Amino acid sequence: MAPRASWKGYLKLSLVSCPVRLYPATSTKERISFNQLHKKTHNRINMKPVDPEIGLVDRADLVKGYEYEDKQYVIIDDADLESVRIESNHTMNIEAFVDEKDVDVIYQDTPYYLAPDGAMAEETFVVLREAMRKSGKLAVARLVLSSRERVVTIGAREKGMFVCTLRNPNEVRGTAEYFDNIPQGKPDREMLQLAEALIQQKLTKFNPRDYEDRYEAALMNMIKEKLKGHKPIVAAAPERGNVVNLMDALKASLGQSKPPAKSKTKTPAVEEKPAKVAASGGSKAGTKSKK
């Protein structure tokens, strides 16, 4: 079954445009999730809408309302939303091109894949993709998703394009409240050199497959043991000694001379589907940032 597009419209650069489809680049369906059950019957609980005056109501009777004053609402229906028409409802109009390093990672939100919508769009799509790949730049555009306009970056990725929605600046908290009381200071030169050497010792190439979710694996192992009627084995957390002297701790850490640790669980192996990790290629928004 073909994946369902989150958005369909046109990718436009000046007078050049082509129909495209936007697809979610990530999925959480493989995560372990729990249902709410009654503690005696073990029946699954249904969450139903309740009106404080008339009790249970049918979802077909629900409408959208905007609270303009305390407990005062204006009703908004689908026709009202349809009347709010702007270009980005159906068109990603590229407004500018920027360096990837200029897009601060804190603004990067949700990743998507962009593909041509039909064979007739492929030639134009490929031309735009390769032009962006050769320029090494990210395009900046806007589109309407979930009843709000989002600023997005677009870059070439493998045979398609990679889109990342950006957070509104109003959603990003400033650092002053958290960082102002941290002393500036200059660290001891020898301790700094030891810390830098420790970093070099653990330097490696990042591979997300090396960092499995150990808690998820342990959780699934516990579930399997309960299904077998066994009492779950409680894994003790590793003991950590108190760091008394920073210099001694740095020297001891550096003296261990161990390669970068893989993120492997100590619980028995769990049968899980391998994570789908797209091979790197082209310009990828959200993979690195320089401040």
C-alpha atoms as a PDB file:
ATOM      1  CA  MET A   1       0.000   0.000   0.000  1.00  0.00           C
ATOM      2  CA  ALA A   2       1.442   3.358  -1.058  1.00  0.00           C
ATOM      3  CA  PRO A   3       2.167   5.820   1.781  1.00  0.00           C
ATOM      4  CA  ARG A   4      -0.365   8.570   2.277  1.00  0.00           C
ATOM      5  CA  ALA A   5       0.780  12.099   1.482  1.00  0.00           C
ATOM      6  CA  SER A   6       0.479  14.720   4.226  1.00  0.00           C
ATOM      7  CA  TRP A   7       0.220  17.510   1.664  1.00  0.00           C
ATOM      8  CA  LYS A   8      -0.162  17.848  -2.102  1.00  0.00           C
ATOM      9  CA  GLY A   9       0.530  20.947  -4.135  1.00  0.00           C
ATOM     10  CA  TYR A  10       3.191  22.663  -6.215  1.00  0.00           C
ATOM     11  CA  LEU A  11       6.864  23.381  -5.676  1.00  0.00           C
ATOM     12  CA  LYS A  12       7.585  26.698  -7.347  1.00  0.00           C
ATOM     13  CA  LEU A  13      10.808  28.566  -8.141  1.00  0.00           C
ATOM     14  CA  SER A  14      10.145  31.838  -9.948  1.00  0.00           C
ATOM     15  CA  LEU A  15       8.122  30.825 -13.048  1.00  0.00           C
ATOM     16  CA  VAL A  16       9.051  27.130 -12.783  1.00  0.00           C
ATOM     17  CA  SER A  17       6.700  24.814 -10.897  1.00  0.00           C
ATOM     18  CA  CYS A  18       5.896  21.122 -10.590  1.00  0.00           C
ATOM     19  CA  PRO A  19       3.293  19.111  -8.667  1.00  0.00           C
ATOM     20  CA  VAL A  20       4.705  17.410  -5.575  1.00  0.00           C
ATOM     21  CA  ARG A  21       3.658  15.274  -2.614  1.00  0.00           C
ATOM     22  CA  LEU A  22       4.884  15.596   0.957  1.00  0.00           C
ATOM     23  CA  TYR A  23       5.325  12.497   3.149  1.00  0.00           C
ATOM     24  CA  PRO A  24       6.290  12.125   6.844  1.00  0.00           C
ATOM     25  CA  ALA A  25       9.951  11.084   7.073  1.00  0.00           C
ATOM     26  CA  THR A  26       9.599   9.452  10.507  1.00  0.00           C
ATOM     27  CA  SER A  27       7.208   7.069  12.243  1.00  0.00           C
ATOM     28  CA  THR A  28       6.554   6.127  15.878  1.00  0.00           C
ATOM     29  CA  LYS A  29       4.416   3.035  15.199  1.00  0.00           C
ATOM     30  CA  GLU A  30       7.229   0.686  16.311  1.00  0.00           C
ATOM     31  CA  ARG A  31       7.383   2.242  19.789  1.00  0.00           C
ATOM     32  CA  ILE A  32       5.914   0.307  22.695  1.00  0.00           C
ATOM     33  CA  SER A  33       2.659   1.906  23.812  1.00  0.00           C
ATOM     34  CA  PHE A  34       0.145   1.099  26.544  1.00  0.00           C
ATOM     35  CA  ASN A  35      -3.656   1.206  26.634  1.00  0.00           C
ATOM     36  CA  GLN A  36      -5.715   2.436  29.580  1.00  0.00           C
ATOM     37  CA  LEU A  37      -7.682  -0.476  31.146  1.00  0.00           C
ATOM     38  CA  HIS A  38     -10.004  -0.782  34.119  1.00  0.00           C
ATOM     39  CA  LYS A  39      -8.037  -2.388  36.949  1.00  0.00           C
ATOM     40  CA  LYS A  40     -10.691  -5.075  37.625  1.00  0.00           C
ATOM     41  CA  THR A  41     -12.304  -5.878  34.261  1.00  0.00           C
ATOM     42  CA  HIS A  42      -9.201  -5.140  32.135  1.00  0.00           C
ATOM     43  CA  ASN A  43     -11.551  -3.655  29.560  1.00  0.00           C
ATOM     44  CA  ARG A  44     -10.077  -0.905  27.438  1.00  0.00           C
ATOM     45  CA  ILE A  45     -11.334   2.527  28.445  1.00  0.00           C
ATOM     46  CA  ASN A  46     -13.021   4.651  25.779  1.00  0.00           C
ATOM     47  CA  MET A  47     -12.385   8.366  25.950  1.00  0.00           C
ATOM     48  CA  LYS A  48     -15.699  10.039  25.156  1.00  0.00           C
ATOM     49  CA  PRO A  49     -16.521  13.764  24.930  1.00  0.00           C
ATOM     50  CA  VAL A  50     -18.613  15.072  27.797  1.00  0.00           C
ATOM     51  CA  ASP A  51     -20.668  18.265  27.966  1.00  0.00           C
ATOM     52  CA  PRO A  52     -20.873  19.543  31.582  1.00  0.00           C
ATOM     53  CA  GLU A  53     -24.612  20.218  31.152  1.00  0.00           C
ATOM     54  CA  ILE A  54     -25.961  17.336  29.049  1.00  0.00           C
ATOM     55  CA  GLY A  55     -23.345  14.637  29.650  1.00  0.00           C
ATOM     56  CA  LEU A  56     -22.054  12.341  26.898  1.00  0.00           C
ATOM     57  CA  VAL A  57     -22.226  13.790  23.389  1.00  0.00           C
ATOM     58  CA  ASP A  58     -21.706  12.360  19.914  1.00  0.00           C
ATOM     59  CA  ARG A  59     -18.507  13.394  18.163  1.00  0.00           C
ATOM     60  CA  ALA A  60     -20.612  14.362  15.137  1.00  0.00           C
ATOM     61  CA  ASP A  61     -22.065  17.159  17.272  1.00  0.00           C
ATOM     62  CA  LEU A  62     -18.673  18.721  18.033  1.00  0.00           C
ATOM     63  CA  VAL A  63     -17.688  22.036  16.442  1.00  0.00           C
ATOM     64  CA  LYS A  64     -14.575  24.210  16.585  1.00  0.00           C
ATOM     65  CA  GLY A  65     -14.643  27.334  18.721  1.00  0.00           C
ATOM     66  CA  TYR A  66     -12.182  30.164  19.353  1.00  0.00           C
ATOM     67  CA  GLU A  67     -12.259  31.670  22.867  1.00  0.00           C
ATOM     68  CA  TYR A  68     -12.086  35.447  22.288  1.00  0.00           C
ATOM     69  CA  GLU A  69     -13.059  36.248  25.896  1.00  0.00           C
ATOM     70  CA  ASP A  70     -13.358  34.158  29.048  1.00  0.00           C
ATOM     71  CA  LYS A  71     -15.905  31.400  28.225  1.00  0.00           C
ATOM     72  CA  GLN A  72     -17.024  33.329  25.124  1.00  0.00           C
ATOM     73  CA  TYR A  73     -16.521  31.530  21.800  1.00  0.00           C
ATOM     74  CA  VAL A  74     -16.922  32.245  18.119  1.00  0.00           C
ATOM     75  CA  ILE A  75     -17.789  29.095  16.133  1.00  0.00           C
ATOM     76  CA  ILE A  76     -15.519  28.236  13.194  1.00  0.00           C
ATOM     77  CA  ASP A  77     -16.692  25.688  10.626  1.00  0.00           C
ATOM     78  CA  ASP A  78     -14.982  24.043   7.650  1.00  0.00           C
ATOM     79  CA  ALA A  79     -16.347  26.654   5.236  1.00  0.00           C
ATOM     80  CA  ASP A  80     -14.720  29.390   7.332  1.00  0.00           C
ATOM     81  CA  LEU A  81     -11.377  27.616   7.195  1.00  0.00           C
ATOM     82  CA  GLU A  82     -11.700  27.077   3.446  1.00  0.00           C
ATOM     83  CA  SER A  83     -12.275  30.804   3.006  1.00  0.00           C
ATOM     84  CA  VAL A  84      -8.827  31.510   4.452  1.00  0.00           C
ATOM     85  CA  ARG A  85      -6.890  31.128   1.221  1.00  0.00           C
ATOM     86  CA  ILE A  86      -3.252  32.076   0.847  1.00  0.00           C
ATOM     87  CA  GLU A  87      -0.678  30.944  -1.692  1.00  0.00           C
ATOM     88  CA  SER A  88       0.995  28.448   0.632  1.00  0.00           C
ATOM     89  CA  ASN A  89      -2.243  26.444   0.956  1.00  0.00           C
ATOM     90  CA  HIS A  90      -1.322  24.679  -2.268  1.00  0.00           C
ATOM     91  CA  THR A  91       2.083  26.063  -3.302  1.00  0.00           C
ATOM     92  CA  MET A  92       5.571  25.895  -1.804  1.00  0.00           C
ATOM     93  CA  ASN A  93       6.967  29.051  -3.326  1.00  0.00           C
ATOM     94  CA  ILE A  94      10.751  29.164  -2.824  1.00  0.00           C
ATOM     95  CA  GLU A  95      11.545  32.608  -1.432  1.00  0.00           C
ATOM     96  CA  ALA A  96      15.285  32.329  -0.805  1.00  0.00           C
ATOM     97  CA  PHE A  97      18.305  30.036  -0.589  1.00  0.00           C
ATOM     98  CA  VAL A  98      20.543  29.818   2.490  1.00  0.00           C
ATOM     99  CA  ASP A  99      23.575  27.937   3.778  1.00  0.00           C
ATOM    100  CA  GLU A 100      22.674  24.872   5.821  1.00  0.00           C
ATOM    101  CA  LYS A 101      24.916  26.044   8.663  1.00  0.00           C
ATOM    102  CA  ASP A 102      22.827  29.200   9.002  1.00  0.00           C
ATOM    103  CA  VAL A 103      19.710  27.237  10.006  1.00  0.00           C
ATOM    104  CA  ASP A 104      20.062  26.874  13.783  1.00  0.00           C
ATOM    105  CA  VAL A 105      19.179  23.329  14.864  1.00  0.00           C
ATOM    106  CA  ILE A 106      16.907  24.674  17.615  1.00  0.00           C
ATOM    107  CA  TYR A 107      14.460  25.915  14.956  1.00  0.00           C
ATOM    108  CA  GLN A 108      14.279  22.584  13.119  1.00  0.00           C
ATOM    109  CA  ASP A 109      11.047  20.736  13.855  1.00  0.00           C
ATOM    110  CA  THR A 110       9.468  17.945  11.763  1.00  0.00           C
ATOM    111  CA  PRO A 111      11.144  16.144   8.816  1.00  0.00           C
ATOM    112  CA  TYR A 112       9.375  15.187   5.575  1.00  0.00           C
ATOM    113  CA  TYR A 113      10.221  13.668   2.204  1.00  0.00           C
ATOM    114  CA  LEU A 114       9.202  15.457  -0.986  1.00  0.00           C
ATOM    115  CA  ALA A 115       8.547  13.542  -4.223  1.00  0.00           C
ATOM    116  CA  PRO A 116       7.118  14.436  -7.650  1.00  0.00           C
ATOM    117  CA  ASP A 117       3.388  13.932  -8.081  1.00  0.00           C
ATOM    118  CA  GLY A 118       3.185  11.878 -11.277  1.00  0.00           C
ATOM    119  CA  ALA A 119       5.476  11.134 -14.212  1.00  0.00           C
ATOM    120  CA  MET A 120       4.815  14.496 -15.887  1.00  0.00           C
ATOM    121  CA  ALA A 121       6.390  16.279 -12.902  1.00  0.00           C
ATOM    122  CA  GLU A 122       9.580  14.220 -12.772  1.00  0.00           C
ATOM    123  CA  GLU A 123      11.691  16.183 -15.271  1.00  0.00           C
ATOM    124  CA  THR A 124      11.064  19.535 -13.573  1.00  0.00           C
ATOM    125  CA  PHE A 125      11.533  17.956 -10.138  1.00  0.00           C
ATOM    126  CA  VAL A 126      14.915  16.468 -11.104  1.00  0.00           C
ATOM    127  CA  VAL A 127      16.136  19.786 -12.526  1.00  0.00           C
ATOM    128  CA  LEU A 128      15.249  21.637  -9.307  1.00  0.00           C
ATOM    129  CA  ARG A 129      16.722  18.865  -7.155  1.00  0.00           C
ATOM    130  CA  GLU A 130      20.052  18.798  -8.972  1.00  0.00           C
ATOM    131  CA  ALA A 131      20.295  22.597  -9.053  1.00  0.00           C
ATOM    132  CA  MET A 132      19.964  22.629  -5.254  1.00  0.00           C
ATOM    133  CA  ARG A 133      22.379  19.736  -4.862  1.00  0.00           C
ATOM    134  CA  LYS A 134      25.078  21.453  -6.941  1.00  0.00           C
ATOM    135  CA  SER A 135      24.583  24.787  -5.200  1.00  0.00           C
ATOM    136  CA  GLY A 136      24.880  23.133  -1.787  1.00  0.00           C
ATOM    137  CA  LYS A 137      22.112  25.406  -0.510  1.00  0.00           C
ATOM    138  CA  LEU A 138      18.787  24.928   1.229  1.00  0.00           C
ATOM    139  CA  ALA A 139      15.638  26.516  -0.165  1.00  0.00           C
ATOM    140  CA  VAL A 140      13.334  28.442   2.184  1.00  0.00           C
ATOM    141  CA  ALA A 141       9.591  28.299   1.471  1.00  0.00           C
ATOM    142  CA  ARG A 142       6.233  28.231   3.243  1.00  0.00           C
ATOM    143  CA  LEU A 143       3.264  25.868   3.244  1.00  0.00           C
ATOM    144  CA  VAL A 144       0.067  25.416   5.219  1.00  0.00           C
ATOM    145  CA  LEU A 145      -0.031  22.259   7.372  1.00  0.00           C
ATOM    146  CA  SER A 146      -2.668  21.515  10.024  1.00  0.00           C
ATOM    147  CA  SER A 147      -4.346  24.906   9.639  1.00  0.00           C
ATOM    148  CA  ARG A 148      -1.204  26.953  10.118  1.00  0.00           C
ATOM    149  CA  GLU A 149       1.467  28.303   7.809  1.00  0.00           C
ATOM    150  CA  ARG A 150       4.911  26.809   8.360  1.00  0.00           C
ATOM    151  CA  VAL A 151       8.273  28.044   7.162  1.00  0.00           C
ATOM    152  CA  VAL A 152      10.253  25.109   5.735  1.00  0.00           C
ATOM    153  CA  THR A 153      13.689  24.330   4.382  1.00  0.00           C
ATOM    154  CA  ILE A 154      14.062  22.135   1.282  1.00  0.00           C
ATOM    155  CA  GLY A 155      17.193  20.302   0.174  1.00  0.00           C
ATOM    156  CA  ALA A 156      18.229  17.516  -2.183  1.00  0.00           C
ATOM    157  CA  ARG A 157      18.365  14.026  -0.647  1.00  0.00           C
ATOM    158  CA  GLU A 158      19.140  10.932  -2.685  1.00  0.00           C
ATOM    159  CA  LYS A 159      16.628  10.837  -5.567  1.00  0.00           C
ATOM    160  CA  GLY A 160      14.156  13.114  -3.821  1.00  0.00           C
ATOM    161  CA  MET A 161      14.103  16.134  -1.545  1.00  0.00           C
ATOM    162  CA  PHE A 162      14.113  16.594   2.214  1.00  0.00           C
ATOM    163  CA  VAL A 163      11.778  19.117   3.833  1.00  0.00           C
ATOM    164  CA  CYS A 164      11.988  20.285   7.443  1.00  0.00           C
ATOM    165  CA  THR A 165       9.420  22.532   9.085  1.00  0.00           C
ATOM    166  CA  LEU A 166      10.856  25.307  11.236  1.00  0.00           C
ATOM    167  CA  ARG A 167       9.582  26.512  14.587  1.00  0.00           C
ATOM    168  CA  ASN A 168       8.297  30.043  14.880  1.00  0.00           C
ATOM    169  CA  PRO A 169      10.790  32.285  16.734  1.00  0.00           C
ATOM    170  CA  ASN A 170       8.069  32.916  19.339  1.00  0.00           C
ATOM    171  CA  GLU A 171       8.172  29.201  20.212  1.00  0.00           C
ATOM    172  CA  VAL A 172      11.906  29.199  20.989  1.00  0.00           C
ATOM    173  CA  ARG A 173      12.879  30.248  24.490  1.00  0.00           C
ATOM    174  CA  GLY A 174      15.808  32.567  25.049  1.00  0.00           C
ATOM    175  CA  THR A 175      18.898  31.303  26.851  1.00  0.00           C
ATOM    176  CA  ALA A 176      19.299  34.105  29.409  1.00  0.00           C
ATOM    177  CA  GLU A 177      17.029  32.511  32.027  1.00  0.00           C
ATOM    178  CA  TYR A 178      19.075  29.304  31.951  1.00  0.00           C
ATOM    179  CA  PHE A 179      22.640  30.414  31.176  1.00  0.00           C
ATOM    180  CA  ASP A 180      23.095  33.834  32.806  1.00  0.00           C
ATOM    181  CA  ASN A 181      24.175  32.442  36.180  1.00  0.00           C
ATOM    182  CA  ILE A 182      26.753  30.070  34.699  1.00  0.00           C
ATOM    183  CA  PRO A 183      30.201  31.536  35.374  1.00  0.00           C
ATOM    184  CA  GLN A 184      32.224  32.457  32.298  1.00  0.00           C
ATOM    185  CA  GLY A 185      35.655  31.707  33.780  1.00  0.00           C
ATOM    186  CA  LYS A 186      38.647  30.073  32.119  1.00  0.00           C
ATOM    187  CA  PRO A 187      39.255  26.399  32.890  1.00  0.00           C
ATOM    188  CA  ASP A 188      42.580  25.083  34.114  1.00  0.00           C
ATOM    189  CA  ARG A 189      44.796  24.640  31.041  1.00  0.00           C
ATOM    190  CA  GLU A 190      46.011  21.144  31.945  1.00  0.00           C
ATOM    191  CA  MET A 191      42.494  19.888  32.735  1.00  0.00           C
ATOM    192  CA  LEU A 192      41.253  21.389  29.468  1.00  0.00           C
ATOM    193  CA  GLN A 193      43.964  19.544  27.528  1.00  0.00           C
ATOM    194  CA  LEU A 194      43.055  16.280  29.283  1.00  0.00           C
ATOM    195  CA  ALA A 195      39.370  16.789  28.423  1.00  0.00           C
ATOM    196  CA  GLU A 196      40.265  17.514  24.780  1.00  0.00           C
ATOM    197  CA  ALA A 197      42.400  14.356  24.666  1.00  0.00           C
ATOM    198  CA  LEU A 198      39.486  12.373  26.104  1.00  0.00           C
ATOM    199  CA  ILE A 199      37.253  13.719  23.332  1.00  0.00           C
ATOM    200  CA  GLN A 200      39.765  12.683  20.673  1.00  0.00           C
ATOM    201  CA  GLN A 201      40.005   9.226  22.240  1.00  0.00           C
ATOM    202  CA  LYS A 202      36.256   8.703  21.862  1.00  0.00           C
ATOM    203  CA  LEU A 203      35.962  10.277  18.409  1.00  0.00           C
ATOM    204  CA  THR A 204      34.016   8.139  15.927  1.00  0.00           C
ATOM    205  CA  LYS A 205      31.704   8.370  12.937  1.00  0.00           C
ATOM    206  CA  PHE A 206      28.068   8.654  14.008  1.00  0.00           C
ATOM    207  CA  ASN A 207      25.827   5.742  13.085  1.00  0.00           C
ATOM    208  CA  PRO A 208      22.303   5.793  14.607  1.00  0.00           C
ATOM    209  CA  ARG A 209      22.198   1.981  14.481  1.00  0.00           C
ATOM    210  CA  ASP A 210      24.880   1.932  17.203  1.00  0.00           C
ATOM    211  CA  TYR A 211      22.502   3.595  19.652  1.00  0.00           C
ATOM    212  CA  GLU A 212      19.478   1.370  20.105  1.00  0.00           C
ATOM    213  CA  ASP A 213      16.867   2.305  22.683  1.00  0.00           C
ATOM    214  CA  ARG A 214      18.062   0.191  25.617  1.00  0.00           C
ATOM    215  CA  TYR A 215      15.035   1.090  27.737  1.00  0.00           C
ATOM    216  CA  GLU A 216      12.680   0.000  24.947  1.00  0.00           C
ATOM    217  CA  ALA A 217      14.571  -3.303  24.612  1.00  0.00           C
ATOM    218  CA  ALA A 218      14.498  -3.920  28.379  1.00  0.00           C
ATOM    219  CA  LEU A 219      10.795  -3.018  28.446  1.00  0.00           C
ATOM    220  CA  MET A 220       9.986  -5.539  25.709  1.00  0.00           C
ATOM    221  CA  ASN A 221      12.033  -8.198  27.501  1.00  0.00           C
ATOM    222  CA  MET A 222      10.048  -7.565  30.702  1.00  0.00           C
ATOM    223  CA  ILE A 223       6.764  -7.870  28.750  1.00  0.00           C
ATOM    224  CA  LYS A 224       7.855 -11.175  27.203  1.00  0.00           C
ATOM    225  CA  GLU A 225       8.805 -12.563  30.622  1.00  0.00           C
ATOM    226  CA  LYS A 226       5.390 -11.599  32.031  1.00  0.00           C
ATOM    227  CA  LEU A 227       3.671 -13.286  29.077  1.00  0.00           C
ATOM    228  CA  LYS A 228       5.580 -16.469  29.926  1.00  0.00           C
ATOM    229  CA  GLY A 229       4.396 -16.201  33.524  1.00  0.00           C
ATOM    230  CA  HIS A 230       7.876 -15.426  34.816  1.00  0.00           C
ATOM    231  CA  LYS A 231       8.720 -12.767  37.346  1.00  0.00           C
ATOM    232  CA  PRO A 232      10.578  -9.958  35.559  1.00  0.00           C
ATOM    233  CA  ILE A 233      14.271  -9.703  36.326  1.00  0.00           C
ATOM    234  CA  VAL A 234      15.124  -6.343  37.822  1.00  0.00           C
ATOM    235  CA  ALA A 235      18.354  -5.080  36.273  1.00  0.00           C
ATOM    236  CA  ALA A 236      20.445  -3.062  38.705  1.00  0.00           C
ATOM    237  CA  ALA A 237      21.691   0.302  37.519  1.00  0.00           C
ATOM    238  CA  PRO A 238      25.505   0.539  37.285  1.00  0.00           C
ATOM    239  CA  GLU A 239      27.153   1.964  40.375  1.00  0.00           C
ATOM    240  CA  ARG A 240      28.836   5.287  39.907  1.00  0.00           C
ATOM    241  CA  GLY A 241      31.590   6.455  42.212  1.00  0.00           C
ATOM    242  CA  ASN A 242      31.736   9.986  43.545  1.00  0.00           C
ATOM    243  CA  VAL A 243      34.096  12.261  41.643  1.00  0.00           C
ATOM    244  CA  VAL A 244      36.278  13.781  44.328  1.00  0.00           C
ATOM    245  CA  ASN A 245      38.994  15.368  42.216  1.00  0.00           C
ATOM    246  CA  LEU A 246      38.368  16.504  38.642  1.00  0.00           C
ATOM    247  CA  MET A 247      42.027  16.255  37.606  1.00  0.00           C
ATOM    248  CA  ASP A 248      42.306  12.673  38.907  1.00  0.00           C
ATOM    249  CA  ALA A 249      39.038  11.742  37.221  1.00  0.00           C
ATOM    250  CA  LEU A 250      40.192  13.126  33.864  1.00  0.00           C
ATOM    251  CA  LYS A 251      43.511  11.286  34.093  1.00  0.00           C
ATOM    252  CA  ALA A 252      41.808   8.048  35.096  1.00  0.00           C
ATOM    253  CA  SER A 253      39.287   8.354  32.259  1.00  0.00           C
ATOM    254  CA  LEU A 254      41.999   9.023  29.703  1.00  0.00           C
ATOM    255  CA  GLY A 255      44.040   6.093  31.009  1.00  0.00           C
ATOM    256  CA  GLN A 256      41.267   3.625  30.294  1.00  0.00           C
ATOM    257  CA  SER A 257      41.998   3.903  26.545  1.00  0.00           C
ATOM    258  CA  LYS A 258      38.689   2.359  25.541  1.00  0.00           C
ATOM    259  CA  PRO A 259      37.110   2.872  22.110  1.00  0.00           C
ATOM    260  CA  PRO A 260      33.760   4.671  21.856  1.00  0.00           C
ATOM    261  CA  ALA A 261      31.132   2.538  23.576  1.00  0.00           C
ATOM    262  CA  LYS A 262      28.329   1.008  21.563  1.00  0.00           C
ATOM    263  CA  SER A 263      24.821   1.535  22.944  1.00  0.00           C
ATOM    264  CA  LYS A 264      24.021  -2.104  23.647  1.00  0.00           C
ATOM    265  CA  THR A 265      21.598  -3.439  26.221  1.00  0.00           C
ATOM    266  CA  LYS A 266      22.636  -5.977  28.852  1.00  0.00           C
ATOM    267  CA  THR A 267      19.201  -7.615  28.766  1.00  0.00           C
ATOM    268  CA  PRO A 268      18.586 -10.735  26.631  1.00  0.00           C
ATOM    269  CA  ALA A 269      18.212 -10.181  22.922  1.00  0.00           C
ATOM    270  CA  VAL A 270      14.836  -8.924  21.791  1.00  0.00           C
ATOM    271  CA  GLU A 271      13.335  -9.554  18.397  1.00  0.00           C
ATOM    272  CA  GLU A 272      12.710  -6.136  16.860  1.00  0.00           C
ATOM    273  CA  LYS A 273      12.362  -4.817  13.380  1.00  0.00           C
ATOM    274  CA  PRO A 274      15.502  -2.991  12.230  1.00  0.00           C
ATOM    275  CA  ALA A 275      15.173   0.759  12.198  1.00  0.00           C
ATOM    276  CA  LYS A 276      14.727   2.240   8.772  1.00  0.00           C
ATOM    277  CA  VAL A 277      17.590   4.650   8.324  1.00  0.00           C
ATOM    278  CA  ALA A 278      17.864   6.497   5.047  1.00  0.00           C
ATOM    279  CA  ALA A 279      21.306   6.509   3.484  1.00  0.00           C
ATOM    280  CA  SER A 280      22.868   9.910   3.520  1.00  0.00           C
ATOM    281  CA  GLY A 281      23.045  11.842   0.320  1.00  0.00           C
ATOM    282  CA  GLY A 282      22.803  15.411  -0.891  1.00  0.00           C
ATOM    283  CA  SER A 283      21.958  18.272   1.379  1.00  0.00           C
ATOM    284  CA  LYS A 284      20.086  17.267   4.537  1.00  0.00           C
ATOM    285  CA  ALA A 285      18.338  19.805   6.680  1.00  0.00           C
ATOM    286  CA  GLY A 286      18.566  19.123  10.389  1.00  0.00           C
ATOM    287  CA  THR A 287      21.678  16.939  10.389  1.00  0.00           C
ATOM    288  CA  LYS A 288      24.195  19.482  11.552  1.00  0.00           C
ATOM    289  CA  SER A 289      24.373  23.034  12.731  1.00  0.00           C
ATOM    290  CA  LYS A 290      27.069  25.510  13.478  1.00  0.00           C
ATOM    291  CA  LYS A 291      26.368  28.387  15.750  1.00  0.00           C
END
